[in-house]
């Protein structure tokens, strides 16, 4: 087990170095990107278009709402997009070394997930969340998010080996899904006619506890544990599909 962890940590460090190599600010971009995204959307919606959202509490600003959502979204999508090409990018290693390809998918998924979670965790102090119950719920929600990401990453990374165009389809799908998740607008502003459609998106449910904990200092434990259960199912489904499809990797890489 320790050997496996060491290998995954080694691969994760290499991926972080590869992403930021040659960059003047290096890994500082690891933290700057979500702030820049949030400021752009805040300026667009709050200052130019001048849309005023009712966020449920007077002391919650639109920028705070935006930064939580955009950190989650960037972490989620970038983790999956990077992981989906992880096997293809490391085909030369897999051909030369007897190495479990699962480790590569996990390490690629970890990089942007860690970026998001580290940043979100810093907001715990910013929003003055010191309740053990809330922090415990936050930890469970963070584990839930990673299992959900990893389940999808296993499926897509395996399928992409056989269907190379899938990478482009995933990217365009995320562009569409971005507007179907209440990130740049609160759920309460969604028209009643499409609220049911929004609720069909599992990403909405996975993200919701983070808003509840960080912004509203409230939790619904039934929702949190239901999300955990769904994410565990996604993880095992993704892992089994990956294990099945990886048998043919070496024939097409």
C-alpha atoms as a PDB file:
ATOM      1  CA  UNK A   1       0.000   0.000   0.000  1.00  0.00           C
ATOM      2  CA  UNK A   2       2.816   2.433   0.911  1.00  0.00           C
ATOM      3  CA  UNK A   3       4.594   1.557  -2.343  1.00  0.00           C
ATOM      4  CA  UNK A   4       1.434   2.329  -4.331  1.00  0.00           C
ATOM      5  CA  UNK A   5       1.021   5.691  -2.591  1.00  0.00           C
ATOM      6  CA  UNK A   6       4.648   6.595  -3.277  1.00  0.00           C
ATOM      7  CA  UNK A   7       4.224   5.814  -6.969  1.00  0.00           C
ATOM      8  CA  UNK A   8       1.021   7.875  -7.224  1.00  0.00           C
ATOM      9  CA  UNK A   9       2.632  10.812  -5.376  1.00  0.00           C
ATOM     10  CA  UNK A  10       5.671  10.618  -7.673  1.00  0.00           C
ATOM     11  CA  UNK A  11       3.463  10.667 -10.789  1.00  0.00           C
ATOM     12  CA  UNK A  12       1.361  13.526  -9.394  1.00  0.00           C
ATOM     13  CA  UNK A  13       4.450  15.652  -8.693  1.00  0.00           C
ATOM     14  CA  UNK A  14       5.708  15.021 -12.217  1.00  0.00           C
ATOM     15  CA  UNK A  15       2.367  16.079 -13.689  1.00  0.00           C
ATOM     16  CA  UNK A  16       2.359  19.338 -11.687  1.00  0.00           C
ATOM     17  CA  UNK A  17       5.919  20.110 -12.833  1.00  0.00           C
ATOM     18  CA  UNK A  18       4.986  19.309 -16.450  1.00  0.00           C
ATOM     19  CA  UNK A  19       1.993  21.682 -16.395  1.00  0.00           C
ATOM     20  CA  UNK A  20       3.888  24.659 -15.016  1.00  0.00           C
ATOM     21  CA  UNK A  21       7.372  24.086 -16.437  1.00  0.00           C
ATOM     22  CA  UNK A  22       8.763  27.187 -18.126  1.00  0.00           C
ATOM     23  CA  UNK A  23       6.142  29.420 -16.521  1.00  0.00           C
ATOM     24  CA  UNK A  24       7.518  32.556 -14.850  1.00  0.00           C
ATOM     25  CA  UNK A  25       5.143  32.286 -11.900  1.00  0.00           C
ATOM     26  CA  UNK A  26       5.235  28.488 -11.919  1.00  0.00           C
ATOM     27  CA  UNK A  27       2.875  26.830  -9.459  1.00  0.00           C
ATOM     28  CA  UNK A  28       1.559  30.243  -8.315  1.00  0.00           C
ATOM     29  CA  UNK A  29      -0.869  29.860 -11.233  1.00  0.00           C
ATOM     30  CA  UNK A  30      -2.153  26.851  -9.313  1.00  0.00           C
ATOM     31  CA  UNK A  31      -3.900  29.401  -7.047  1.00  0.00           C
ATOM     32  CA  UNK A  32      -4.205  32.448  -9.309  1.00  0.00           C
ATOM     33  CA  UNK A  33      -6.339  30.909 -12.067  1.00  0.00           C
ATOM     34  CA  UNK A  34      -9.593  30.470 -10.088  1.00  0.00           C
ATOM     35  CA  UNK A  35      -9.293  33.998  -8.666  1.00  0.00           C
ATOM     36  CA  UNK A  36      -8.843  35.484 -12.147  1.00  0.00           C
ATOM     37  CA  UNK A  37     -11.824  33.520 -13.508  1.00  0.00           C
ATOM     38  CA  UNK A  38     -14.001  34.714 -10.647  1.00  0.00           C
ATOM     39  CA  UNK A  39     -12.990  38.354 -11.071  1.00  0.00           C
ATOM     40  CA  UNK A  40     -13.798  38.231 -14.803  1.00  0.00           C
ATOM     41  CA  UNK A  41     -17.298  36.830 -14.219  1.00  0.00           C
ATOM     42  CA  UNK A  42     -17.888  39.175 -11.287  1.00  0.00           C
ATOM     43  CA  UNK A  43     -16.943  42.201 -13.389  1.00  0.00           C
ATOM     44  CA  UNK A  44     -19.109  40.985 -16.280  1.00  0.00           C
ATOM     45  CA  UNK A  45     -22.280  40.176 -14.331  1.00  0.00           C
ATOM     46  CA  UNK A  46     -22.086  42.598 -11.424  1.00  0.00           C
ATOM     47  CA  UNK A  47     -20.518  45.657 -13.051  1.00  0.00           C
ATOM     48  CA  UNK A  48     -21.344  45.527 -16.775  1.00  0.00           C
ATOM     49  CA  UNK A  49     -24.626  43.642 -17.048  1.00  0.00           C
ATOM     50  CA  UNK A  50     -25.537  44.726 -13.485  1.00  0.00           C
ATOM     51  CA  UNK A  51     -27.476  41.587 -12.609  1.00  0.00           C
ATOM     52  CA  UNK A  52     -28.346  41.483  -8.916  1.00  0.00           C
ATOM     53  CA  UNK A  53     -28.948  38.035  -7.499  1.00  0.00           C
ATOM     54  CA  UNK A  54     -30.727  37.211  -4.271  1.00  0.00           C
ATOM     55  CA  UNK A  55     -28.294  34.852  -2.549  1.00  0.00           C
ATOM     56  CA  UNK A  56     -30.454  34.207   0.513  1.00  0.00           C
ATOM     57  CA  UNK A  57     -28.251  36.103   2.970  1.00  0.00           C
ATOM     58  CA  UNK A  58     -27.349  39.783   2.903  1.00  0.00           C
ATOM     59  CA  UNK A  59     -23.771  39.188   4.046  1.00  0.00           C
ATOM     60  CA  UNK A  60     -22.978  36.870   1.102  1.00  0.00           C
ATOM     61  CA  UNK A  61     -21.566  38.687  -1.913  1.00  0.00           C
ATOM     62  CA  UNK A  62     -21.917  37.585  -5.507  1.00  0.00           C
ATOM     63  CA  UNK A  63     -18.127  37.335  -5.765  1.00  0.00           C
ATOM     64  CA  UNK A  64     -18.050  34.849  -2.859  1.00  0.00           C
ATOM     65  CA  UNK A  65     -20.752  32.785  -4.537  1.00  0.00           C
ATOM     66  CA  UNK A  66     -18.879  32.892  -7.845  1.00  0.00           C
ATOM     67  CA  UNK A  67     -15.473  31.930  -6.502  1.00  0.00           C
ATOM     68  CA  UNK A  68     -16.818  28.823  -4.723  1.00  0.00           C
ATOM     69  CA  UNK A  69     -18.585  27.637  -7.885  1.00  0.00           C
ATOM     70  CA  UNK A  70     -15.779  28.425 -10.299  1.00  0.00           C
ATOM     71  CA  UNK A  71     -13.146  26.740  -8.137  1.00  0.00           C
ATOM     72  CA  UNK A  72     -15.311  23.621  -8.004  1.00  0.00           C
ATOM     73  CA  UNK A  73     -16.027  23.705 -11.722  1.00  0.00           C
ATOM     74  CA  UNK A  74     -12.419  24.315 -12.770  1.00  0.00           C
ATOM     75  CA  UNK A  75     -11.195  21.557 -10.450  1.00  0.00           C
ATOM     76  CA  UNK A  76     -13.849  19.119 -11.681  1.00  0.00           C
ATOM     77  CA  UNK A  77     -13.530  19.706 -15.425  1.00  0.00           C
ATOM     78  CA  UNK A  78      -9.752  20.051 -15.614  1.00  0.00           C
ATOM     79  CA  UNK A  79      -9.253  16.885 -13.542  1.00  0.00           C
ATOM     80  CA  UNK A  80     -11.421  14.902 -15.938  1.00  0.00           C
ATOM     81  CA  UNK A  81     -10.073  16.490 -19.128  1.00  0.00           C
ATOM     82  CA  UNK A  82      -6.470  15.813 -18.103  1.00  0.00           C
ATOM     83  CA  UNK A  83      -7.250  12.292 -16.906  1.00  0.00           C
ATOM     84  CA  UNK A  84      -9.112  11.457 -20.129  1.00  0.00           C
ATOM     85  CA  UNK A  85      -5.850  11.747 -22.130  1.00  0.00           C
ATOM     86  CA  UNK A  86      -3.568  10.354 -19.422  1.00  0.00           C
ATOM     87  CA  UNK A  87      -3.194   6.891 -20.977  1.00  0.00           C
ATOM     88  CA  UNK A  88      -2.550   8.302 -24.443  1.00  0.00           C
ATOM     89  CA  UNK A  89       0.072  10.745 -23.132  1.00  0.00           C
ATOM     90  CA  UNK A  90       1.905   7.980 -21.293  1.00  0.00           C
ATOM     91  CA  UNK A  91       1.610   5.234 -23.885  1.00  0.00           C
ATOM     92  CA  UNK A  92       5.406   5.142 -24.284  1.00  0.00           C
ATOM     93  CA  UNK A  93       5.804   4.338 -20.576  1.00  0.00           C
ATOM     94  CA  UNK A  94       3.140   1.650 -20.602  1.00  0.00           C
ATOM     95  CA  UNK A  95       4.781  -0.021 -23.604  1.00  0.00           C
ATOM     96  CA  UNK A  96       8.212  -0.144 -21.991  1.00  0.00           C
ATOM     97  CA  UNK A  97       7.475  -0.670 -18.298  1.00  0.00           C
ATOM     98  CA  UNK A  98       5.125  -3.088 -16.573  1.00  0.00           C
ATOM     99  CA  UNK A  99       3.184  -0.370 -14.806  1.00  0.00           C
ATOM    100  CA  UNK A 100      -0.459  -0.294 -13.638  1.00  0.00           C
ATOM    101  CA  UNK A 101      -2.200   2.305 -15.875  1.00  0.00           C
ATOM    102  CA  UNK A 102      -4.671   2.983 -13.043  1.00  0.00           C
ATOM    103  CA  UNK A 103      -1.937   4.897 -11.196  1.00  0.00           C
ATOM    104  CA  UNK A 104      -1.545   7.292 -14.124  1.00  0.00           C
ATOM    105  CA  UNK A 105      -5.267   8.081 -14.218  1.00  0.00           C
ATOM    106  CA  UNK A 106      -5.327   8.677 -10.457  1.00  0.00           C
ATOM    107  CA  UNK A 107      -2.295  10.994 -10.560  1.00  0.00           C
ATOM    108  CA  UNK A 108      -3.714  13.051 -13.447  1.00  0.00           C
ATOM    109  CA  UNK A 109      -7.062  13.348 -11.655  1.00  0.00           C
ATOM    110  CA  UNK A 110      -5.352  14.444  -8.451  1.00  0.00           C
ATOM    111  CA  UNK A 111      -3.541  17.516  -9.783  1.00  0.00           C
ATOM    112  CA  UNK A 112      -6.482  19.838 -10.475  1.00  0.00           C
ATOM    113  CA  UNK A 113      -8.574  18.252  -7.750  1.00  0.00           C
ATOM    114  CA  UNK A 114      -5.912  19.227  -5.217  1.00  0.00           C
ATOM    115  CA  UNK A 115      -5.766  22.724  -6.703  1.00  0.00           C
ATOM    116  CA  UNK A 116      -9.476  23.175  -6.052  1.00  0.00           C
ATOM    117  CA  UNK A 117      -9.581  21.547  -2.625  1.00  0.00           C
ATOM    118  CA  UNK A 118      -6.553  23.453  -1.306  1.00  0.00           C
ATOM    119  CA  UNK A 119      -8.112  26.724  -2.415  1.00  0.00           C
ATOM    120  CA  UNK A 120     -11.566  25.842  -1.073  1.00  0.00           C
ATOM    121  CA  UNK A 121     -10.059  24.709   2.221  1.00  0.00           C
ATOM    122  CA  UNK A 122      -8.483  28.144   2.659  1.00  0.00           C
ATOM    123  CA  UNK A 123     -11.998  29.601   2.429  1.00  0.00           C
ATOM    124  CA  UNK A 124     -12.946  27.693   5.587  1.00  0.00           C
ATOM    125  CA  UNK A 125     -10.885  30.238   7.518  1.00  0.00           C
ATOM    126  CA  UNK A 126     -12.037  33.148   5.362  1.00  0.00           C
ATOM    127  CA  UNK A 127     -15.693  32.333   6.059  1.00  0.00           C
ATOM    128  CA  UNK A 128     -14.869  31.597   9.722  1.00  0.00           C
ATOM    129  CA  UNK A 129     -16.142  28.034   9.755  1.00  0.00           C
ATOM    130  CA  UNK A 130     -14.976  26.452  12.986  1.00  0.00           C
ATOM    131  CA  UNK A 131     -17.786  23.964  13.654  1.00  0.00           C
ATOM    132  CA  UNK A 132     -16.519  20.373  13.849  1.00  0.00           C
ATOM    133  CA  UNK A 133     -19.780  19.185  12.277  1.00  0.00           C
ATOM    134  CA  UNK A 134     -19.391  21.519   9.291  1.00  0.00           C
ATOM    135  CA  UNK A 135     -15.710  20.670   8.836  1.00  0.00           C
ATOM    136  CA  UNK A 136     -16.509  16.932   8.998  1.00  0.00           C
ATOM    137  CA  UNK A 137     -19.232  17.416   6.382  1.00  0.00           C
ATOM    138  CA  UNK A 138     -16.749  19.354   4.240  1.00  0.00           C
ATOM    139  CA  UNK A 139     -14.205  16.497   4.430  1.00  0.00           C
ATOM    140  CA  UNK A 140     -16.851  13.935   3.434  1.00  0.00           C
ATOM    141  CA  UNK A 141     -17.978  16.169   0.548  1.00  0.00           C
ATOM    142  CA  UNK A 142     -14.359  16.529  -0.613  1.00  0.00           C
ATOM    143  CA  UNK A 143     -13.892  12.751  -0.651  1.00  0.00           C
ATOM    144  CA  UNK A 144     -17.211  12.433  -2.473  1.00  0.00           C
ATOM    145  CA  UNK A 145     -16.067  14.883  -5.151  1.00  0.00           C
ATOM    146  CA  UNK A 146     -12.814  13.007  -5.761  1.00  0.00           C
ATOM    147  CA  UNK A 147     -14.498   9.601  -6.011  1.00  0.00           C
ATOM    148  CA  UNK A 148     -16.977  11.072  -8.497  1.00  0.00           C
ATOM    149  CA  UNK A 149     -14.157  12.618 -10.552  1.00  0.00           C
ATOM    150  CA  UNK A 150     -12.145   9.401 -10.453  1.00  0.00           C
ATOM    151  CA  UNK A 151     -15.077   7.231 -11.551  1.00  0.00           C
ATOM    152  CA  UNK A 152     -15.702   9.415 -14.616  1.00  0.00           C
ATOM    153  CA  UNK A 153     -11.959   9.685 -15.298  1.00  0.00           C
ATOM    154  CA  UNK A 154     -11.526   5.906 -15.356  1.00  0.00           C
ATOM    155  CA  UNK A 155     -14.321   5.520 -17.907  1.00  0.00           C
ATOM    156  CA  UNK A 156     -13.247   8.353 -20.208  1.00  0.00           C
ATOM    157  CA  UNK A 157      -9.499   7.614 -20.076  1.00  0.00           C
ATOM    158  CA  UNK A 158     -10.191   4.019 -21.136  1.00  0.00           C
ATOM    159  CA  UNK A 159     -12.641   4.952 -23.898  1.00  0.00           C
ATOM    160  CA  UNK A 160     -10.339   7.664 -25.267  1.00  0.00           C
ATOM    161  CA  UNK A 161      -7.696   5.035 -26.041  1.00  0.00           C
ATOM    162  CA  UNK A 162     -10.132   3.525 -28.547  1.00  0.00           C
ATOM    163  CA  UNK A 163     -12.022   6.684 -29.597  1.00  0.00           C
ATOM    164  CA  UNK A 164      -9.522   9.563 -29.918  1.00  0.00           C
ATOM    165  CA  UNK A 165     -12.181  12.125 -30.908  1.00  0.00           C
ATOM    166  CA  UNK A 166     -13.819  11.675 -27.528  1.00  0.00           C
ATOM    167  CA  UNK A 167     -11.515  14.328 -26.020  1.00  0.00           C
ATOM    168  CA  UNK A 168     -13.070  17.033 -28.203  1.00  0.00           C
ATOM    169  CA  UNK A 169     -16.582  15.822 -27.456  1.00  0.00           C
ATOM    170  CA  UNK A 170     -15.919  15.953 -23.706  1.00  0.00           C
ATOM    171  CA  UNK A 171     -14.619  19.505 -23.920  1.00  0.00           C
ATOM    172  CA  UNK A 172     -17.720  20.692 -25.795  1.00  0.00           C
ATOM    173  CA  UNK A 173     -20.001  18.799 -23.442  1.00  0.00           C
ATOM    174  CA  UNK A 174     -18.457  20.603 -20.466  1.00  0.00           C
ATOM    175  CA  UNK A 175     -19.049  23.947 -22.204  1.00  0.00           C
ATOM    176  CA  UNK A 176     -22.739  23.058 -22.334  1.00  0.00           C
ATOM    177  CA  UNK A 177     -22.910  21.629 -18.813  1.00  0.00           C
ATOM    178  CA  UNK A 178     -21.329  24.779 -17.358  1.00  0.00           C
ATOM    179  CA  UNK A 179     -24.566  26.660 -17.975  1.00  0.00           C
ATOM    180  CA  UNK A 180     -26.764  23.859 -16.624  1.00  0.00           C
ATOM    181  CA  UNK A 181     -25.148  23.967 -13.173  1.00  0.00           C
ATOM    182  CA  UNK A 182     -25.956  26.975 -10.913  1.00  0.00           C
ATOM    183  CA  UNK A 183     -22.446  28.433 -10.860  1.00  0.00           C
ATOM    184  CA  UNK A 184     -22.807  31.909 -12.337  1.00  0.00           C
ATOM    185  CA  UNK A 185     -26.411  32.124 -11.119  1.00  0.00           C
ATOM    186  CA  UNK A 186     -28.129  30.822  -7.930  1.00  0.00           C
ATOM    187  CA  UNK A 187     -30.509  27.884  -8.159  1.00  0.00           C
ATOM    188  CA  UNK A 188     -33.405  29.925  -6.734  1.00  0.00           C
ATOM    189  CA  UNK A 189     -33.289  32.139  -9.857  1.00  0.00           C
ATOM    190  CA  UNK A 190     -33.814  29.176 -12.184  1.00  0.00           C
ATOM    191  CA  UNK A 191     -37.322  29.172 -13.739  1.00  0.00           C
ATOM    192  CA  UNK A 192     -39.580  26.541 -12.164  1.00  0.00           C
ATOM    193  CA  UNK A 193     -40.128  24.971 -15.572  1.00  0.00           C
ATOM    194  CA  UNK A 194     -36.500  23.807 -15.821  1.00  0.00           C
ATOM    195  CA  UNK A 195     -35.605  23.204 -12.162  1.00  0.00           C
ATOM    196  CA  UNK A 196     -36.367  19.507 -12.580  1.00  0.00           C
ATOM    197  CA  UNK A 197     -33.933  19.390 -15.523  1.00  0.00           C
ATOM    198  CA  UNK A 198     -31.197  21.040 -13.442  1.00  0.00           C
ATOM    199  CA  UNK A 199     -31.724  18.467 -10.682  1.00  0.00           C
ATOM    200  CA  UNK A 200     -31.103  15.622 -13.127  1.00  0.00           C
ATOM    201  CA  UNK A 201     -27.473  16.719 -13.352  1.00  0.00           C
ATOM    202  CA  UNK A 202     -25.441  14.818 -10.699  1.00  0.00           C
ATOM    203  CA  UNK A 203     -22.821  17.589 -10.723  1.00  0.00           C
ATOM    204  CA  UNK A 204     -25.422  19.934  -9.201  1.00  0.00           C
ATOM    205  CA  UNK A 205     -25.888  17.595  -6.227  1.00  0.00           C
ATOM    206  CA  UNK A 206     -22.149  16.972  -5.765  1.00  0.00           C
ATOM    207  CA  UNK A 207     -21.443  20.735  -5.682  1.00  0.00           C
ATOM    208  CA  UNK A 208     -24.385  21.771  -3.491  1.00  0.00           C
ATOM    209  CA  UNK A 209     -22.934  20.795  -0.060  1.00  0.00           C
ATOM    210  CA  UNK A 210     -19.917  23.044  -0.661  1.00  0.00           C
ATOM    211  CA  UNK A 211     -22.201  26.061  -1.100  1.00  0.00           C
ATOM    212  CA  UNK A 212     -24.234  25.054   1.951  1.00  0.00           C
ATOM    213  CA  UNK A 213     -21.179  24.601   4.169  1.00  0.00           C
ATOM    214  CA  UNK A 214     -18.995  27.496   3.031  1.00  0.00           C
ATOM    215  CA  UNK A 215     -21.602  30.169   2.348  1.00  0.00           C
ATOM    216  CA  UNK A 216     -24.653  29.281   4.420  1.00  0.00           C
ATOM    217  CA  UNK A 217     -22.988  27.343   7.251  1.00  0.00           C
ATOM    218  CA  UNK A 218     -25.632  24.640   7.033  1.00  0.00           C
ATOM    219  CA  UNK A 219     -25.660  20.963   6.110  1.00  0.00           C
ATOM    220  CA  UNK A 220     -28.076  18.248   5.065  1.00  0.00           C
ATOM    221  CA  UNK A 221     -26.423  15.023   6.153  1.00  0.00           C
ATOM    222  CA  UNK A 222     -28.883  12.895   4.176  1.00  0.00           C
ATOM    223  CA  UNK A 223     -27.818  14.712   0.987  1.00  0.00           C
ATOM    224  CA  UNK A 224     -24.128  14.408   1.854  1.00  0.00           C
ATOM    225  CA  UNK A 225     -24.283  10.662   2.502  1.00  0.00           C
ATOM    226  CA  UNK A 226     -26.489  10.084  -0.537  1.00  0.00           C
ATOM    227  CA  UNK A 227     -23.888  11.905  -2.648  1.00  0.00           C
ATOM    228  CA  UNK A 228     -21.162   9.740  -1.116  1.00  0.00           C
ATOM    229  CA  UNK A 229     -23.111   6.594  -1.971  1.00  0.00           C
ATOM    230  CA  UNK A 230     -23.615   7.726  -5.594  1.00  0.00           C
ATOM    231  CA  UNK A 231     -19.927   8.658  -5.925  1.00  0.00           C
ATOM    232  CA  UNK A 232     -18.824   5.264  -4.596  1.00  0.00           C
ATOM    233  CA  UNK A 233     -21.049   3.617  -7.225  1.00  0.00           C
ATOM    234  CA  UNK A 234     -19.531   5.848  -9.938  1.00  0.00           C
ATOM    235  CA  UNK A 235     -16.043   4.983  -8.725  1.00  0.00           C
ATOM    236  CA  UNK A 236     -16.547   1.206  -8.770  1.00  0.00           C
ATOM    237  CA  UNK A 237     -18.399   1.332 -12.089  1.00  0.00           C
ATOM    238  CA  UNK A 238     -15.600   3.386 -13.628  1.00  0.00           C
ATOM    239  CA  UNK A 239     -12.910   1.148 -12.153  1.00  0.00           C
ATOM    240  CA  UNK A 240     -14.548  -2.043 -13.459  1.00  0.00           C
ATOM    241  CA  UNK A 241     -15.003  -0.572 -16.949  1.00  0.00           C
ATOM    242  CA  UNK A 242     -11.368   0.561 -16.950  1.00  0.00           C
ATOM    243  CA  UNK A 243     -10.109  -2.865 -15.825  1.00  0.00           C
ATOM    244  CA  UNK A 244     -12.123  -4.499 -18.589  1.00  0.00           C
ATOM    245  CA  UNK A 245     -11.040  -2.131 -21.362  1.00  0.00           C
ATOM    246  CA  UNK A 246      -7.365  -1.949 -20.390  1.00  0.00           C
ATOM    247  CA  UNK A 247      -6.873  -5.533 -21.617  1.00  0.00           C
ATOM    248  CA  UNK A 248      -6.817  -4.169 -25.157  1.00  0.00           C
ATOM    249  CA  UNK A 249      -4.749  -1.032 -24.526  1.00  0.00           C
ATOM    250  CA  UNK A 250      -1.483  -2.482 -25.787  1.00  0.00           C
ATOM    251  CA  UNK A 251      -3.062  -3.492 -29.096  1.00  0.00           C
ATOM    252  CA  UNK A 252      -4.116   0.063 -30.013  1.00  0.00           C
ATOM    253  CA  UNK A 253      -1.573   2.325 -28.254  1.00  0.00           C
END
